[in-house]
Amino acid sequence: MNTKLNDDVEFYRFIRYETLLDYLVNKRFAFIKCKLYSDPWELFFYDAEFIVNEYDSWGHPEKERFFAMCFTKTKESEALWRIHSKNESGVKIVTSVKR
């Protein structure tokens, strides 16, 4: 997996129009507590238990303090439009590593 990102790589965020207005009016982005995500794939690392040996394992002790904001490198996604465009009021934000 290539973990280095070129400055020009673009990321997209699909959100409700009301959320965009909130971002602009309040001049801030909102990060969501990871435990509030409903998708089990998004909760994978949050819920992960790491096996040390046959007698010992651990979860992250500070996981209650994990927050996230989801972006994708997928320019268009019908699924993301459906999820974030209830009543056809969705928008797509584009940014890049550099921005």
C-alpha atoms as a PDB file:
ATOM      1  CA  MET A   1       0.000   0.000   0.000  1.00  0.00           C
ATOM      2  CA  ASN A   2       1.394   3.397  -0.985  1.00  0.00           C
ATOM      3  CA  THR A   3       1.116   5.664   2.062  1.00  0.00           C
ATOM      4  CA  LYS A   4       2.865   8.707   0.548  1.00  0.00           C
ATOM      5  CA  LEU A   5       0.547  11.262  -0.990  1.00  0.00           C
ATOM      6  CA  ASN A   6       1.460  13.797  -3.629  1.00  0.00           C
ATOM      7  CA  ASP A   7       0.481  17.401  -2.757  1.00  0.00           C
ATOM      8  CA  ASP A   8      -1.921  17.452  -5.715  1.00  0.00           C
ATOM      9  CA  VAL A   9      -3.919  14.347  -4.706  1.00  0.00           C
ATOM     10  CA  GLU A  10      -7.538  15.397  -4.322  1.00  0.00           C
ATOM     11  CA  PHE A  11      -9.970  14.231  -1.646  1.00  0.00           C
ATOM     12  CA  TYR A  12     -13.733  14.550  -1.632  1.00  0.00           C
ATOM     13  CA  ARG A  13     -16.277  14.869   1.137  1.00  0.00           C
ATOM     14  CA  PHE A  14     -19.978  14.358   0.491  1.00  0.00           C
ATOM     15  CA  ILE A  15     -22.155  16.202   3.018  1.00  0.00           C
ATOM     16  CA  ARG A  16     -25.614  17.642   3.539  1.00  0.00           C
ATOM     17  CA  TYR A  17     -26.096  21.234   2.391  1.00  0.00           C
ATOM     18  CA  GLU A  18     -27.046  22.206   5.961  1.00  0.00           C
ATOM     19  CA  THR A  19     -23.707  20.858   7.198  1.00  0.00           C
ATOM     20  CA  LEU A  20     -21.848  23.014   4.666  1.00  0.00           C
ATOM     21  CA  LEU A  21     -23.753  26.089   5.855  1.00  0.00           C
ATOM     22  CA  ASP A  22     -22.822  25.262   9.437  1.00  0.00           C
ATOM     23  CA  TYR A  23     -19.148  24.963   8.426  1.00  0.00           C
ATOM     24  CA  LEU A  24     -19.228  28.331   6.660  1.00  0.00           C
ATOM     25  CA  VAL A  25     -21.245  30.270   9.241  1.00  0.00           C
ATOM     26  CA  ASN A  26     -19.292  28.969  12.234  1.00  0.00           C
ATOM     27  CA  LYS A  27     -15.937  28.824  10.377  1.00  0.00           C
ATOM     28  CA  ARG A  28     -15.177  25.349  11.686  1.00  0.00           C
ATOM     29  CA  PHE A  29     -15.344  21.714  10.705  1.00  0.00           C
ATOM     30  CA  ALA A  30     -17.025  19.175  12.940  1.00  0.00           C
ATOM     31  CA  PHE A  31     -15.222  15.975  13.812  1.00  0.00           C
ATOM     32  CA  ILE A  32     -17.457  13.090  14.902  1.00  0.00           C
ATOM     33  CA  LYS A  33     -16.743  10.706  17.771  1.00  0.00           C
ATOM     34  CA  CYS A  34     -15.682   7.445  16.133  1.00  0.00           C
ATOM     35  CA  LYS A  35     -17.916   5.389  18.411  1.00  0.00           C
ATOM     36  CA  LEU A  36     -20.969   7.072  16.817  1.00  0.00           C
ATOM     37  CA  TYR A  37     -20.287   5.592  13.369  1.00  0.00           C
ATOM     38  CA  SER A  38     -22.771   2.881  12.438  1.00  0.00           C
ATOM     39  CA  ASP A  39     -20.756   1.163   9.694  1.00  0.00           C
ATOM     40  CA  PRO A  40     -18.812  -1.817  11.129  1.00  0.00           C
ATOM     41  CA  TRP A  41     -15.956  -1.201   8.655  1.00  0.00           C
ATOM     42  CA  GLU A  42     -15.544   2.332  10.011  1.00  0.00           C
ATOM     43  CA  LEU A  43     -15.499   0.952  13.559  1.00  0.00           C
ATOM     44  CA  PHE A  44     -12.838  -1.673  12.836  1.00  0.00           C
ATOM     45  CA  PHE A  45      -9.873   0.069  14.494  1.00  0.00           C
ATOM     46  CA  TYR A  46     -12.031   1.655  17.180  1.00  0.00           C
ATOM     47  CA  ASP A  47     -13.271  -1.754  18.319  1.00  0.00           C
ATOM     48  CA  ALA A  48     -10.021  -3.607  17.588  1.00  0.00           C
ATOM     49  CA  GLU A  49      -8.467  -5.680  20.320  1.00  0.00           C
ATOM     50  CA  PHE A  50      -4.781  -6.336  19.875  1.00  0.00           C
ATOM     51  CA  ILE A  51      -3.487  -9.759  20.906  1.00  0.00           C
ATOM     52  CA  VAL A  52      -0.164  -9.607  22.770  1.00  0.00           C
ATOM     53  CA  ASN A  53       0.020 -13.322  23.562  1.00  0.00           C
ATOM     54  CA  GLU A  54      -2.385 -16.111  24.496  1.00  0.00           C
ATOM     55  CA  TYR A  55      -3.000 -14.524  27.913  1.00  0.00           C
ATOM     56  CA  ASP A  56      -2.935 -10.809  27.187  1.00  0.00           C
ATOM     57  CA  SER A  57      -4.667  -8.388  24.806  1.00  0.00           C
ATOM     58  CA  TRP A  58      -5.551  -4.716  24.828  1.00  0.00           C
ATOM     59  CA  GLY A  59      -7.746  -2.111  23.187  1.00  0.00           C
ATOM     60  CA  HIS A  60      -6.645   1.489  22.858  1.00  0.00           C
ATOM     61  CA  PRO A  61      -7.014   3.111  26.320  1.00  0.00           C
ATOM     62  CA  GLU A  62      -7.963   6.506  24.847  1.00  0.00           C
ATOM     63  CA  LYS A  63     -10.416   5.309  22.195  1.00  0.00           C
ATOM     64  CA  GLU A  64     -13.235   7.381  23.733  1.00  0.00           C
ATOM     65  CA  ARG A  65     -11.248  10.411  22.588  1.00  0.00           C
ATOM     66  CA  PHE A  66     -11.052   9.318  18.892  1.00  0.00           C
ATOM     67  CA  PHE A  67     -12.690  11.700  16.434  1.00  0.00           C
ATOM     68  CA  ALA A  68     -12.775  11.559  12.636  1.00  0.00           C
ATOM     69  CA  MET A  69     -13.918  13.249   9.465  1.00  0.00           C
ATOM     70  CA  CYS A  70     -14.321  11.066   6.380  1.00  0.00           C
ATOM     71  CA  PHE A  71     -12.941  11.936   2.956  1.00  0.00           C
ATOM     72  CA  THR A  72     -12.580   9.740  -0.108  1.00  0.00           C
ATOM     73  CA  LYS A  73     -10.374   9.703  -3.187  1.00  0.00           C
ATOM     74  CA  THR A  74     -13.426   8.562  -5.186  1.00  0.00           C
ATOM     75  CA  LYS A  75     -14.532  11.513  -7.297  1.00  0.00           C
ATOM     76  CA  GLU A  76     -18.099  10.258  -7.821  1.00  0.00           C
ATOM     77  CA  SER A  77     -20.080   7.751  -5.808  1.00  0.00           C
ATOM     78  CA  GLU A  78     -23.774   7.062  -6.108  1.00  0.00           C
ATOM     79  CA  ALA A  79     -23.726   5.453  -2.662  1.00  0.00           C
ATOM     80  CA  LEU A  80     -22.178   8.532  -1.021  1.00  0.00           C
ATOM     81  CA  TRP A  81     -24.634  10.832  -2.792  1.00  0.00           C
ATOM     82  CA  ARG A  82     -27.536   8.697  -1.523  1.00  0.00           C
ATOM     83  CA  ILE A  83     -26.236   8.676   2.050  1.00  0.00           C
ATOM     84  CA  HIS A  84     -25.450  12.399   2.259  1.00  0.00           C
ATOM     85  CA  SER A  85     -28.107  13.862  -0.053  1.00  0.00           C
ATOM     86  CA  LYS A  86     -31.333  13.238   1.774  1.00  0.00           C
ATOM     87  CA  ASN A  87     -34.028  15.259  -0.026  1.00  0.00           C
ATOM     88  CA  GLU A  88     -31.461  15.999  -2.782  1.00  0.00           C
ATOM     89  CA  SER A  89     -29.656  18.577  -0.647  1.00  0.00           C
ATOM     90  CA  GLY A  90     -26.108  17.257  -0.767  1.00  0.00           C
ATOM     91  CA  VAL A  91     -22.857  18.912  -1.786  1.00  0.00           C
ATOM     92  CA  LYS A  92     -19.367  17.658  -2.527  1.00  0.00           C
ATOM     93  CA  ILE A  93     -16.306  19.410  -1.116  1.00  0.00           C
ATOM     94  CA  VAL A  94     -12.960  18.944  -2.824  1.00  0.00           C
ATOM     95  CA  THR A  95      -9.582  19.560  -1.245  1.00  0.00           C
ATOM     96  CA  SER A  96      -6.026  18.339  -1.672  1.00  0.00           C
ATOM     97  CA  VAL A  97      -3.060  17.444   0.503  1.00  0.00           C
ATOM     98  CA  LYS A  98      -1.553  20.850  -0.262  1.00  0.00           C
ATOM     99  CA  ARG A  99      -4.764  22.775   0.539  1.00  0.00           C
END
